[in-house]
């Protein structure tokens, strides 16, 4: 489906930016995209090796890769987590920055409506100060 959609858009000279979590490394899908936005999830793990194949393929193809990371206070904003993320990203893309995004509880009401527990209910939303802190840690980690 994605390839058919992208090919149709490209016929009309429409730029395609694919958004992904980076866990599916399909060289054809990567090649079909003009640029890629990858949201790295590191809230529950320190092991980022699941991203290795995807990052390596994007690098091999010379793709414009934009990396985002949602900052969840108390989950992935520690010096250790940010240093680990910085080392991983710089292994493939030495000049890249990560766009840090603030955690928001936008889905909390949906969980309530579905009578499902929201695992992050007790975690506060990220503030600008949290983003400033991790951006500084990221910059320091790669010097």
Foldseek 3Di string as FASTA:
>chain_A
DLLVVLVVCVVVPHAFEAEECQQDADLVNLVSHQAYEHEDEPQAHLDRCSNVNNLVSCLVVVHHYAYEYEDFPPRQLDLSNLLSVLVVVCVRPVVHDYHYHKDDPPCVVVCVVVVHDDPCPVTDIDDPVSVVSSSVSSVVSSD
